[in-house]
PDB file of N, CA and C in Angstrom:
ATOM      1  N   UNK A   1     -11.202-177.602  76.052  1.00  0.00           N
ATOM      2  CA  UNK A   1     -12.282-177.125  75.207  1.00  0.00           C
ATOM      3  C   UNK A   1     -12.967-175.944  75.881  1.00  0.00           C
ATOM      4  N   UNK A   2     -13.216-174.922  75.132  1.00  0.00           N
ATOM      5  CA  UNK A   2     -13.964-173.764  75.594  1.00  0.00           C
ATOM      6  C   UNK A   2     -15.213-173.649  74.732  1.00  0.00           C
ATOM      7  N   UNK A   3     -16.299-173.288  75.347  1.00  0.00           N
ATOM      8  CA  UNK A   3     -17.534-173.064  74.601  1.00  0.00           C
ATOM      9  C   UNK A   3     -17.806-171.569  74.579  1.00  0.00           C
ATOM     10  N   UNK A   4     -18.189-171.048  73.416  1.00  0.00           N
ATOM     11  CA  UNK A   4     -18.505-169.636  73.293  1.00  0.00           C
ATOM     12  C   UNK A   4     -19.533-169.235  74.356  1.00  0.00           C
ATOM     13  N   UNK A   5     -19.371-168.050  74.930  1.00  0.00           N
ATOM     14  CA  UNK A   5     -20.342-167.520  75.867  1.00  0.00           C
ATOM     15  C   UNK A   5     -20.304-168.138  77.253  1.00  0.00           C
ATOM     16  N   UNK A   6     -19.271-168.924  77.547  1.00  0.00           N
ATOM     17  CA  UNK A   6     -19.141-169.517  78.874  1.00  0.00           C
ATOM     18  C   UNK A   6     -17.915-168.928  79.565  1.00  0.00           C
ATOM     19  N   UNK A   7     -17.688-169.352  80.784  1.00  0.00           N
ATOM     20  CA  UNK A   7     -16.542-168.870  81.558  1.00  0.00           C
ATOM     21  C   UNK A   7     -15.642-170.051  81.921  1.00  0.00           C
ATOM     22  N   UNK A   8     -14.996-170.644  80.924  1.00  0.00           N
ATOM     23  CA  UNK A   8     -14.179-171.832  81.175  1.00  0.00           C
ATOM     24  C   UNK A   8     -12.830-171.502  81.802  1.00  0.00           C
ATOM     25  N   UNK A   9     -12.207-172.533  82.290  1.00  0.00           N
ATOM     26  CA  UNK A   9     -10.833-172.454  82.771  1.00  0.00           C
ATOM     27  C   UNK A   9     -10.013-173.353  81.849  1.00  0.00           C
ATOM     28  N   UNK A  10      -9.113-172.764  81.096  1.00  0.00           N
ATOM     29  CA  UNK A  10      -8.214-173.532  80.239  1.00  0.00           C
ATOM     30  C   UNK A  10      -6.946-173.814  81.040  1.00  0.00           C
ATOM     31  N   UNK A  11      -6.563-175.084  81.144  1.00  0.00           N
ATOM     32  CA  UNK A  11      -5.413-175.462  81.962  1.00  0.00           C
ATOM     33  C   UNK A  11      -4.343-176.111  81.092  1.00  0.00           C
ATOM     34  N   UNK A  12      -3.112-175.699  81.333  1.00  0.00           N
ATOM     35  CA  UNK A  12      -1.968-176.193  80.578  1.00  0.00           C
ATOM     36  C   UNK A  12      -0.928-176.710  81.573  1.00  0.00           C
ATOM     37  N   UNK A  13      -0.420-177.907  81.356  1.00  0.00           N
ATOM     38  CA  UNK A  13       0.617-178.484  82.212  1.00  0.00           C
ATOM     39  C   UNK A  13       1.976-178.250  81.569  1.00  0.00           C
ATOM     40  N   UNK A  14       2.894-177.671  82.360  1.00  0.00           N
ATOM     41  CA  UNK A  14       4.209-177.278  81.855  1.00  0.00           C
ATOM     42  C   UNK A  14       5.277-177.791  82.809  1.00  0.00           C
ATOM     43  N   UNK A  15       6.329-178.449  82.314  1.00  0.00           N
ATOM     44  CA  UNK A  15       7.388-178.956  83.191  1.00  0.00           C
ATOM     45  C   UNK A  15       8.338-177.851  83.633  1.00  0.00           C
ATOM     46  N   UNK A  16       7.781-176.810  84.261  1.00  0.00           N
ATOM     47  CA  UNK A  16       8.560-175.634  84.635  1.00  0.00           C
ATOM     48  C   UNK A  16       8.108-175.137  86.000  1.00  0.00           C
ATOM     49  N   UNK A  17       9.060-174.797  86.840  1.00  0.00           N
ATOM     50  CA  UNK A  17       8.771-174.163  88.118  1.00  0.00           C
ATOM     51  C   UNK A  17       8.825-172.657  87.885  1.00  0.00           C
ATOM     52  N   UNK A  18       7.732-171.964  88.085  1.00  0.00           N
ATOM     53  CA  UNK A  18       7.635-170.548  87.744  1.00  0.00           C
ATOM     54  C   UNK A  18       7.935-169.614  88.906  1.00  0.00           C
ATOM     55  N   UNK A  19       8.779-170.030  89.859  1.00  0.00           N
ATOM     56  CA  UNK A  19       9.160-169.143  90.954  1.00  0.00           C
ATOM     57  C   UNK A  19       9.837-167.894  90.383  1.00  0.00           C
ATOM     58  N   UNK A  20       9.471-166.738  90.911  1.00  0.00           N
ATOM     59  CA  UNK A  20      10.055-165.454  90.507  1.00  0.00           C
ATOM     60  C   UNK A  20       9.920-165.183  89.007  1.00  0.00           C
ATOM     61  N   UNK A  21       8.775-165.572  88.454  1.00  0.00           N
ATOM     62  CA  UNK A  21       8.513-165.355  87.034  1.00  0.00           C
ATOM     63  C   UNK A  21       7.166-164.657  86.833  1.00  0.00           C
ATOM     64  N   UNK A  22       7.059-163.928  85.735  1.00  0.00           N
ATOM     65  CA  UNK A  22       5.776-163.418  85.278  1.00  0.00           C
ATOM     66  C   UNK A  22       5.378-164.297  84.101  1.00  0.00           C
ATOM     67  N   UNK A  23       4.247-164.968  84.228  1.00  0.00           N
ATOM     68  CA  UNK A  23       3.804-165.956  83.249  1.00  0.00           C
ATOM     69  C   UNK A  23       2.681-165.352  82.404  1.00  0.00           C
ATOM     70  N   UNK A  24       2.821-165.436  81.088  1.00  0.00           N
ATOM     71  CA  UNK A  24       1.840-164.916  80.147  1.00  0.00           C
ATOM     72  C   UNK A  24       1.201-166.089  79.404  1.00  0.00           C
ATOM     73  N   UNK A  25      -0.121-166.092  79.319  1.00  0.00           N
ATOM     74  CA  UNK A  25      -0.836-167.100  78.539  1.00  0.00           C
ATOM     75  C   UNK A  25      -1.548-166.369  77.417  1.00  0.00           C
ATOM     76  N   UNK A  26      -1.341-166.842  76.186  1.00  0.00           N
ATOM     77  CA  UNK A  26      -1.977-166.237  75.019  1.00  0.00           C
ATOM     78  C   UNK A  26      -2.777-167.286  74.267  1.00  0.00           C
ATOM     79  N   UNK A  27      -4.006-166.921  73.953  1.00  0.00           N
ATOM     80  CA  UNK A  27      -4.830-167.698  73.027  1.00  0.00           C
ATOM     81  C   UNK A  27      -4.985-166.843  71.785  1.00  0.00           C
ATOM     82  N   UNK A  28      -4.705-167.418  70.635  1.00  0.00           N
ATOM     83  CA  UNK A  28      -4.734-166.687  69.368  1.00  0.00           C
ATOM     84  C   UNK A  28      -5.579-167.448  68.364  1.00  0.00           C
ATOM     85  N   UNK A  29      -6.438-166.707  67.691  1.00  0.00           N
ATOM     86  CA  UNK A  29      -7.228-167.291  66.608  1.00  0.00           C
ATOM     87  C   UNK A  29      -7.270-166.279  65.469  1.00  0.00           C
ATOM     88  N   UNK A  30      -6.485-166.542  64.455  1.00  0.00           N
ATOM     89  CA  UNK A  30      -6.431-165.680  63.272  1.00  0.00           C
ATOM     90  C   UNK A  30      -6.129-164.222  63.629  1.00  0.00           C
ATOM     91  N   UNK A  31      -5.207-164.015  64.567  1.00  0.00           N
ATOM     92  CA  UNK A  31      -4.814-162.671  64.944  1.00  0.00           C
ATOM     93  C   UNK A  31      -5.618-162.066  66.082  1.00  0.00           C
ATOM     94  N   UNK A  32      -6.746-162.651  66.423  1.00  0.00           N
ATOM     95  CA  UNK A  32      -7.520-162.211  67.591  1.00  0.00           C
ATOM     96  C   UNK A  32      -6.875-162.851  68.812  1.00  0.00           C
ATOM     97  N   UNK A  33      -6.242-162.039  69.667  1.00  0.00           N
ATOM     98  CA  UNK A  33      -5.492-162.589  70.800  1.00  0.00           C
ATOM     99  C   UNK A  33      -6.092-162.185  72.132  1.00  0.00           C
ATOM    100  N   UNK A  34      -6.066-163.143  73.047  1.00  0.00           N
ATOM    101  CA  UNK A  34      -6.392-162.915  74.454  1.00  0.00           C
ATOM    102  C   UNK A  34      -5.130-163.283  75.219  1.00  0.00           C
ATOM    103  N   UNK A  35      -4.545-162.324  75.926  1.00  0.00           N
ATOM    104  CA  UNK A  35      -3.338-162.568  76.711  1.00  0.00           C
ATOM    105  C   UNK A  35      -3.563-162.082  78.129  1.00  0.00           C
ATOM    106  N   UNK A  36      -3.146-162.903  79.089  1.00  0.00           N
ATOM    107  CA  UNK A  36      -3.210-162.529  80.497  1.00  0.00           C
ATOM    108  C   UNK A  36      -1.880-162.890  81.146  1.00  0.00           C
ATOM    109  N   UNK A  37      -1.476-162.074  82.128  1.00  0.00           N
ATOM    110  CA  UNK A  37      -0.199-162.264  82.814  1.00  0.00           C
ATOM    111  C   UNK A  37      -0.435-162.535  84.290  1.00  0.00           C
ATOM    112  N   UNK A  38       0.369-163.415  84.854  1.00  0.00           N
ATOM    113  CA  UNK A  38       0.179-163.843  86.239  1.00  0.00           C
ATOM    114  C   UNK A  38       0.380-162.712  87.243  1.00  0.00           C
ATOM    115  N   UNK A  39       1.256-161.781  86.975  1.00  0.00           N
ATOM    116  CA  UNK A  39       1.514-160.689  87.924  1.00  0.00           C
ATOM    117  C   UNK A  39       0.525-159.536  87.783  1.00  0.00           C
ATOM    118  N   UNK A  40      -0.304-159.572  86.729  1.00  0.00           N
ATOM    119  CA  UNK A  40      -1.220-158.467  86.483  1.00  0.00           C
ATOM    120  C   UNK A  40      -2.681-158.880  86.510  1.00  0.00           C
ATOM    121  N   UNK A  41      -2.964-160.168  86.543  1.00  0.00           N
ATOM    122  CA  UNK A  41      -4.341-160.625  86.441  1.00  0.00           C
ATOM    123  C   UNK A  41      -4.611-161.763  87.420  1.00  0.00           C
ATOM    124  N   UNK A  42      -5.731-161.664  88.093  1.00  0.00           N
ATOM    125  CA  UNK A  42      -6.171-162.767  88.958  1.00  0.00           C
ATOM    126  C   UNK A  42      -6.725-163.916  88.116  1.00  0.00           C
ATOM    127  N   UNK A  43      -6.786-163.734  86.796  1.00  0.00           N
ATOM    128  CA  UNK A  43      -7.306-164.768  85.895  1.00  0.00           C
ATOM    129  C   UNK A  43      -6.273-165.817  85.512  1.00  0.00           C
ATOM    130  N   UNK A  44      -5.062-165.720  86.072  1.00  0.00           N
ATOM    131  CA  UNK A  44      -4.030-166.735  85.873  1.00  0.00           C
ATOM    132  C   UNK A  44      -3.710-167.340  87.235  1.00  0.00           C
ATOM    133  N   UNK A  45      -3.788-168.657  87.314  1.00  0.00           N
ATOM    134  CA  UNK A  45      -3.470-169.360  88.561  1.00  0.00           C
ATOM    135  C   UNK A  45      -2.456-170.459  88.257  1.00  0.00           C
ATOM    136  N   UNK A  46      -1.398-170.498  89.046  1.00  0.00           N
ATOM    137  CA  UNK A  46      -0.334-171.485  88.842  1.00  0.00           C
ATOM    138  C   UNK A  46      -0.312-172.420  90.040  1.00  0.00           C
ATOM    139  N   UNK A  47      -0.374-173.719  89.756  1.00  0.00           N
ATOM    140  CA  UNK A  47      -0.335-174.745  90.798  1.00  0.00           C
ATOM    141  C   UNK A  47       0.854-175.649  90.542  1.00  0.00           C
ATOM    142  N   UNK A  48       1.705-175.810  91.558  1.00  0.00           N
ATOM    143  CA  UNK A  48       2.867-176.697  91.431  1.00  0.00           C
ATOM    144  C   UNK A  48       2.468-178.112  91.836  1.00  0.00           C
ATOM    145  N   UNK A  49       3.034-179.074  91.138  1.00  0.00           N
ATOM    146  CA  UNK A  49       2.782-180.484  91.427  1.00  0.00           C
ATOM    147  C   UNK A  49       4.109-181.159  91.760  1.00  0.00           C
ATOM    148  N   UNK A  50       4.062-182.051  92.729  1.00  0.00           N
ATOM    149  CA  UNK A  50       5.258-182.735  93.215  1.00  0.00           C
ATOM    150  C   UNK A  50       5.059-184.242  93.134  1.00  0.00           C
ATOM    151  N   UNK A  51       6.153-184.986  92.966  1.00  0.00           N
ATOM    152  CA  UNK A  51       6.065-186.444  92.961  1.00  0.00           C
ATOM    153  C   UNK A  51       5.985-186.950  94.402  1.00  0.00           C
ATOM    154  N   UNK A  52       5.880-188.263  94.550  1.00  0.00           N
ATOM    155  CA  UNK A  52       5.715-188.856  95.880  1.00  0.00           C
ATOM    156  C   UNK A  52       6.915-188.631  96.797  1.00  0.00           C
ATOM    157  N   UNK A  53       8.069-188.296  96.226  1.00  0.00           N
ATOM    158  CA  UNK A  53       9.262-188.009  97.029  1.00  0.00           C
ATOM    159  C   UNK A  53       9.385-186.528  97.390  1.00  0.00           C
ATOM    160  N   UNK A  54       8.416-185.719  96.957  1.00  0.00           N
ATOM    161  CA  UNK A  54       8.438-184.296  97.259  1.00  0.00           C
ATOM    162  C   UNK A  54       9.236-183.453  96.291  1.00  0.00           C
ATOM    163  N   UNK A  55       9.655-184.052  95.161  1.00  0.00           N
ATOM    164  CA  UNK A  55      10.400-183.306  94.145  1.00  0.00           C
ATOM    165  C   UNK A  55       9.426-182.641  93.172  1.00  0.00           C
ATOM    166  N   UNK A  56       9.763-181.427  92.763  1.00  0.00           N
ATOM    167  CA  UNK A  56       8.927-180.725  91.792  1.00  0.00           C
ATOM    168  C   UNK A  56       8.775-181.573  90.539  1.00  0.00           C
ATOM    169  N   UNK A  57       7.536-181.630  90.007  1.00  0.00           N
ATOM    170  CA  UNK A  57       7.256-182.413  88.808  1.00  0.00           C
ATOM    171  C   UNK A  57       6.847-181.509  87.640  1.00  0.00           C
ATOM    172  N   UNK A  58       5.815-180.688  87.845  1.00  0.00           N
ATOM    173  CA  UNK A  58       5.346-179.784  86.787  1.00  0.00           C
ATOM    174  C   UNK A  58       4.417-178.746  87.399  1.00  0.00           C
ATOM    175  N   UNK A  59       4.090-177.728  86.613  1.00  0.00           N
ATOM    176  CA  UNK A  59       3.136-176.703  87.021  1.00  0.00           C
ATOM    177  C   UNK A  59       1.918-176.758  86.118  1.00  0.00           C
ATOM    178  N   UNK A  60       0.758-176.552  86.705  1.00  0.00           N
ATOM    179  CA  UNK A  60      -0.469-176.356  85.941  1.00  0.00           C
ATOM    180  C   UNK A  60      -0.737-174.858  85.901  1.00  0.00           C
ATOM    181  N   UNK A  61      -0.939-174.345  84.702  1.00  0.00           N
ATOM    182  CA  UNK A  61      -1.245-172.931  84.526  1.00  0.00           C
ATOM    183  C   UNK A  61      -2.685-172.848  84.047  1.00  0.00           C
ATOM    184  N   UNK A  62      -3.536-172.243  84.881  1.00  0.00           N
ATOM    185  CA  UNK A  62      -4.955-172.111  84.556  1.00  0.00           C
ATOM    186  C   UNK A  62      -5.248-170.682  84.132  1.00  0.00           C
ATOM    187  N   UNK A  63      -5.975-170.550  83.040  1.00  0.00           N
ATOM    188  CA  UNK A  63      -6.388-169.240  82.534  1.00  0.00           C
ATOM    189  C   UNK A  63      -7.916-169.193  82.570  1.00  0.00           C
ATOM    190  N   UNK A  64      -8.449-168.250  83.333  1.00  0.00           N
ATOM    191  CA  UNK A  64      -9.888-168.069  83.433  1.00  0.00           C
ATOM    192  C   UNK A  64     -10.334-167.129  82.324  1.00  0.00           C
ATOM    193  N   UNK A  65     -11.364-167.521  81.583  1.00  0.00           N
ATOM    194  CA  UNK A  65     -11.884-166.708  80.484  1.00  0.00           C
ATOM    195  C   UNK A  65     -13.282-166.197  80.816  1.00  0.00           C
ATOM    196  N   UNK A  66     -13.611-165.007  80.327  1.00  0.00           N
ATOM    197  CA  UNK A  66     -14.937-164.433  80.529  1.00  0.00           C
ATOM    198  C   UNK A  66     -15.864-164.838  79.385  1.00  0.00           C
ATOM    199  N   UNK A  67     -17.159-164.599  79.589  1.00  0.00           N
ATOM    200  CA  UNK A  67     -18.114-164.847  78.511  1.00  0.00           C
ATOM    201  C   UNK A  67     -17.751-164.034  77.265  1.00  0.00           C
ATOM    202  N   UNK A  68     -17.445-162.752  77.470  1.00  0.00           N
ATOM    203  CA  UNK A  68     -17.116-161.872  76.338  1.00  0.00           C
ATOM    204  C   UNK A  68     -15.877-162.378  75.593  1.00  0.00           C
ATOM    205  N   UNK A  69     -14.898-162.863  76.335  1.00  0.00           N
ATOM    206  CA  UNK A  69     -13.679-163.375  75.689  1.00  0.00           C
ATOM    207  C   UNK A  69     -13.979-164.611  74.850  1.00  0.00           C
ATOM    208  N   UNK A  70     -14.773-165.530  75.364  1.00  0.00           N
ATOM    209  CA  UNK A  70     -15.066-166.734  74.575  1.00  0.00           C
ATOM    210  C   UNK A  70     -15.986-166.413  73.399  1.00  0.00           C
ATOM    211  N   UNK A  71     -16.850-165.411  73.567  1.00  0.00           N
ATOM    212  CA  UNK A  71     -17.688-164.998  72.438  1.00  0.00           C
ATOM    213  C   UNK A  71     -16.875-164.316  71.342  1.00  0.00           C
ATOM    214  N   UNK A  72     -15.706-163.798  71.682  1.00  0.00           N
ATOM    215  CA  UNK A  72     -14.859-163.150  70.672  1.00  0.00           C
ATOM    216  C   UNK A  72     -14.121-164.172  69.802  1.00  0.00           C
ATOM    217  N   UNK A  73     -14.182-165.439  70.187  1.00  0.00           N
ATOM    218  CA  UNK A  73     -13.511-166.506  69.437  1.00  0.00           C
ATOM    219  C   UNK A  73     -14.504-167.227  68.535  1.00  0.00           C
ATOM    220  N   UNK A  74     -14.039-167.627  67.370  1.00  0.00           N
ATOM    221  CA  UNK A  74     -14.868-168.376  66.431  1.00  0.00           C
ATOM    222  C   UNK A  74     -14.845-169.865  66.772  1.00  0.00           C
ATOM    223  N   UNK A  75     -15.862-170.565  66.336  1.00  0.00           N
ATOM    224  CA  UNK A  75     -15.900-172.017  66.497  1.00  0.00           C
ATOM    225  C   UNK A  75     -14.741-172.614  65.717  1.00  0.00           C
ATOM    226  N   UNK A  76     -14.052-173.562  66.328  1.00  0.00           N
ATOM    227  CA  UNK A  76     -12.931-174.229  65.667  1.00  0.00           C
ATOM    228  C   UNK A  76     -11.697-174.234  66.545  1.00  0.00           C
ATOM    229  N   UNK A  77     -10.567-174.340  65.935  1.00  0.00           N
ATOM    230  CA  UNK A  77      -9.291-174.416  66.654  1.00  0.00           C
ATOM    231  C   UNK A  77      -8.733-173.030  66.938  1.00  0.00           C
ATOM    232  N   UNK A  78      -8.090-172.917  68.085  1.00  0.00           N
ATOM    233  CA  UNK A  78      -7.328-171.718  68.437  1.00  0.00           C
ATOM    234  C   UNK A  78      -5.971-172.192  68.938  1.00  0.00           C
ATOM    235  N   UNK A  79      -4.979-171.355  68.796  1.00  0.00           N
ATOM    236  CA  UNK A  79      -3.643-171.704  69.261  1.00  0.00           C
ATOM    237  C   UNK A  79      -3.419-171.133  70.653  1.00  0.00           C
ATOM    238  N   UNK A  80      -2.593-171.808  71.447  1.00  0.00           N
ATOM    239  CA  UNK A  80      -2.294-171.348  72.805  1.00  0.00           C
ATOM    240  C   UNK A  80      -0.809-171.520  73.081  1.00  0.00           C
ATOM    241  N   UNK A  81      -0.261-170.566  73.823  1.00  0.00           N
ATOM    242  CA  UNK A  81       1.149-170.637  74.185  1.00  0.00           C
ATOM    243  C   UNK A  81       1.370-169.942  75.522  1.00  0.00           C
ATOM    244  N   UNK A  82       2.315-170.466  76.277  1.00  0.00           N
ATOM    245  CA  UNK A  82       2.732-169.850  77.532  1.00  0.00           C
ATOM    246  C   UNK A  82       4.142-169.309  77.336  1.00  0.00           C
ATOM    247  N   UNK A  83       4.324-168.052  77.747  1.00  0.00           N
ATOM    248  CA  UNK A  83       5.655-167.444  77.775  1.00  0.00           C
ATOM    249  C   UNK A  83       5.880-166.953  79.185  1.00  0.00           C
ATOM    250  N   UNK A  84       7.130-166.868  79.589  1.00  0.00           N
ATOM    251  CA  UNK A  84       7.433-166.338  80.913  1.00  0.00           C
ATOM    252  C   UNK A  84       8.781-165.662  80.901  1.00  0.00           C
ATOM    253  N   UNK A  85       8.918-164.726  81.825  1.00  0.00           N
ATOM    254  CA  UNK A  85      10.168-164.004  81.998  1.00  0.00           C
ATOM    255  C   UNK A  85      10.529-164.089  83.476  1.00  0.00           C
ATOM    256  N   UNK A  86      11.802-164.369  83.739  1.00  0.00           N
ATOM    257  CA  UNK A  86      12.220-164.474  85.137  1.00  0.00           C
ATOM    258  C   UNK A  86      12.730-163.127  85.639  1.00  0.00           C
ATOM    259  N   UNK A  87      13.105-163.087  86.899  1.00  0.00           N
ATOM    260  CA  UNK A  87      13.467-161.835  87.551  1.00  0.00           C
ATOM    261  C   UNK A  87      14.730-161.192  86.998  1.00  0.00           C
ATOM    262  N   UNK A  88      15.534-161.939  86.245  1.00  0.00           N
ATOM    263  CA  UNK A  88      16.716-161.314  85.642  1.00  0.00           C
ATOM    264  C   UNK A  88      16.492-160.955  84.166  1.00  0.00           C
ATOM    265  N   UNK A  89      15.262-161.212  83.681  1.00  0.00           N
ATOM    266  CA  UNK A  89      14.914-160.800  82.323  1.00  0.00           C
ATOM    267  C   UNK A  89      15.029-161.865  81.258  1.00  0.00           C
ATOM    268  N   UNK A  90      15.397-163.092  81.627  1.00  0.00           N
ATOM    269  CA  UNK A  90      15.451-164.165  80.641  1.00  0.00           C
ATOM    270  C   UNK A  90      14.025-164.599  80.297  1.00  0.00           C
ATOM    271  N   UNK A  91      13.723-164.705  79.012  1.00  0.00           N
ATOM    272  CA  UNK A  91      12.381-165.044  78.546  1.00  0.00           C
ATOM    273  C   UNK A  91      12.378-166.429  77.909  1.00  0.00           C
ATOM    274  N   UNK A  92      11.254-167.135  78.093  1.00  0.00           N
ATOM    275  CA  UNK A  92      11.108-168.510  77.608  1.00  0.00           C
ATOM    276  C   UNK A  92       9.712-168.684  77.024  1.00  0.00           C
ATOM    277  N   UNK A  93       9.501-169.762  76.277  1.00  0.00           N
ATOM    278  CA  UNK A  93       8.184-170.040  75.695  1.00  0.00           C
ATOM    279  C   UNK A  93       8.003-171.545  75.522  1.00  0.00           C
ATOM    280  N   UNK A  94       6.751-171.974  75.638  1.00  0.00           N
ATOM    281  CA  UNK A  94       6.413-173.360  75.343  1.00  0.00           C
ATOM    282  C   UNK A  94       6.193-173.503  73.838  1.00  0.00           C
ATOM    283  N   UNK A  95       6.063-174.728  73.394  1.00  0.00           N
ATOM    284  CA  UNK A  95       5.588-174.968  72.047  1.00  0.00           C
ATOM    285  C   UNK A  95       4.152-174.449  71.951  1.00  0.00           C
ATOM    286  N   UNK A  96       3.707-174.169  70.748  1.00  0.00           N
ATOM    287  CA  UNK A  96       2.341-173.716  70.535  1.00  0.00           C
ATOM    288  C   UNK A  96       1.434-174.938  70.476  1.00  0.00           C
ATOM    289  N   UNK A  97       0.363-174.899  71.265  1.00  0.00           N
ATOM    290  CA  UNK A  97      -0.620-175.975  71.286  1.00  0.00           C
ATOM    291  C   UNK A  97      -1.937-175.486  70.715  1.00  0.00           C
ATOM    292  N   UNK A  98      -2.941-176.330  70.744  1.00  0.00           N
ATOM    293  CA  UNK A  98      -4.258-175.944  70.247  1.00  0.00           C
ATOM    294  C   UNK A  98      -5.335-176.253  71.282  1.00  0.00           C
ATOM    295  N   UNK A  99      -6.370-175.434  71.251  1.00  0.00           N
ATOM    296  CA  UNK A  99      -7.580-175.708  72.017  1.00  0.00           C
ATOM    297  C   UNK A  99      -8.745-175.638  71.034  1.00  0.00           C
ATOM    298  N   UNK A 100      -9.859-176.211  71.405  1.00  0.00           N
ATOM    299  CA  UNK A 100     -11.039-176.223  70.551  1.00  0.00           C
ATOM    300  C   UNK A 100     -12.102-175.301  71.134  1.00  0.00           C
ATOM    301  N   UNK A 101     -12.675-174.482  70.272  1.00  0.00           N
ATOM    302  CA  UNK A 101     -13.767-173.595  70.657  1.00  0.00           C
ATOM    303  C   UNK A 101     -15.057-174.199  70.114  1.00  0.00           C
ATOM    304  N   UNK A 102     -15.982-174.473  71.023  1.00  0.00           N
ATOM    305  CA  UNK A 102     -17.267-175.061  70.646  1.00  0.00           C
ATOM    306  C   UNK A 102     -18.331-173.969  70.550  1.00  0.00           C
ATOM    307  N   UNK A 103     -19.381-174.245  69.811  1.00  0.00           N
ATOM    308  CA  UNK A 103     -20.448-173.287  69.540  1.00  0.00           C
ATOM    309  C   UNK A 103     -21.458-173.193  70.689  1.00  0.00           C
ATOM    310  N   UNK A 104     -21.996-171.988  70.863  1.00  0.00           N
ATOM    311  CA  UNK A 104     -23.175-171.759  71.692  1.00  0.00           C
ATOM    312  C   UNK A 104     -24.223-171.103  70.806  1.00  0.00           C
ATOM    313  N   UNK A 105     -25.472-171.478  70.996  1.00  0.00           N
ATOM    314  CA  UNK A 105     -26.522-170.906  70.156  1.00  0.00           C
ATOM    315  C   UNK A 105     -26.809-169.451  70.513  1.00  0.00           C
ATOM    316  N   UNK A 106     -26.849-169.118  71.800  1.00  0.00           N
ATOM    317  CA  UNK A 106     -27.093-167.748  72.230  1.00  0.00           C
ATOM    318  C   UNK A 106     -25.760-167.011  72.248  1.00  0.00           C
ATOM    319  N   UNK A 107     -25.575-166.094  71.315  1.00  0.00           N
ATOM    320  CA  UNK A 107     -24.306-165.395  71.131  1.00  0.00           C
ATOM    321  C   UNK A 107     -24.285-164.049  71.837  1.00  0.00           C
ATOM    322  N   UNK A 108     -24.543-164.060  73.148  1.00  0.00           N
ATOM    323  CA  UNK A 108     -24.464-162.835  73.929  1.00  0.00           C
ATOM    324  C   UNK A 108     -24.111-163.177  75.365  1.00  0.00           C
ATOM    325  N   UNK A 109     -23.611-162.161  76.072  1.00  0.00           N
ATOM    326  CA  UNK A 109     -23.304-162.328  77.485  1.00  0.00           C
ATOM    327  C   UNK A 109     -24.619-162.400  78.250  1.00  0.00           C
ATOM    328  N   UNK A 110     -24.757-163.397  79.120  1.00  0.00           N
ATOM    329  CA  UNK A 110     -25.974-163.539  79.912  1.00  0.00           C
ATOM    330  C   UNK A 110     -25.681-163.177  81.371  1.00  0.00           C
ATOM    331  N   UNK A 111     -26.739-162.762  82.078  1.00  0.00           N
ATOM    332  CA  UNK A 111     -26.585-162.362  83.474  1.00  0.00           C
ATOM    333  C   UNK A 111     -27.598-163.097  84.329  1.00  0.00           C
ATOM    334  N   UNK A 112     -27.287-163.233  85.601  1.00  0.00           N
ATOM    335  CA  UNK A 112     -28.140-163.938  86.529  1.00  0.00           C
ATOM    336  C   UNK A 112     -29.503-163.283  86.677  1.00  0.00           C
ATOM    337  N   UNK A 113     -29.570-161.962  86.687  1.00  0.00           N
ATOM    338  CA  UNK A 113     -30.815-161.238  86.919  1.00  0.00           C
ATOM    339  C   UNK A 113     -31.766-161.210  85.742  1.00  0.00           C
ATOM    340  N   UNK A 114     -31.344-161.682  84.577  1.00  0.00           N
ATOM    341  CA  UNK A 114     -32.198-161.632  83.385  1.00  0.00           C
ATOM    342  C   UNK A 114     -32.977-162.903  83.186  1.00  0.00           C
TER     343      UNK A 114
END
């Protein structure tokens, strides 16, 4: 869940090891898209998870959103998808999921000094 005007971290668990990949996360709401890529943005963080035997289990892909980005989304459902391309150019995608955008009463970016 993301709330308008906040700086949430949306996290998606994917059964994929993203070694040597550029990972793209897109949130879409009626054509308004926010996309960030792991090789181009510090706003994407990938964490690998392993089972008790040390075998790869899944990756968590976290997307950090700004106040302005969440304010650009309407209250309600938004769609989310992860795509990635590996070093030889093969491209993949997850199924499309949904996230919920919650309302904030103050519809502007706020700052610490104000």
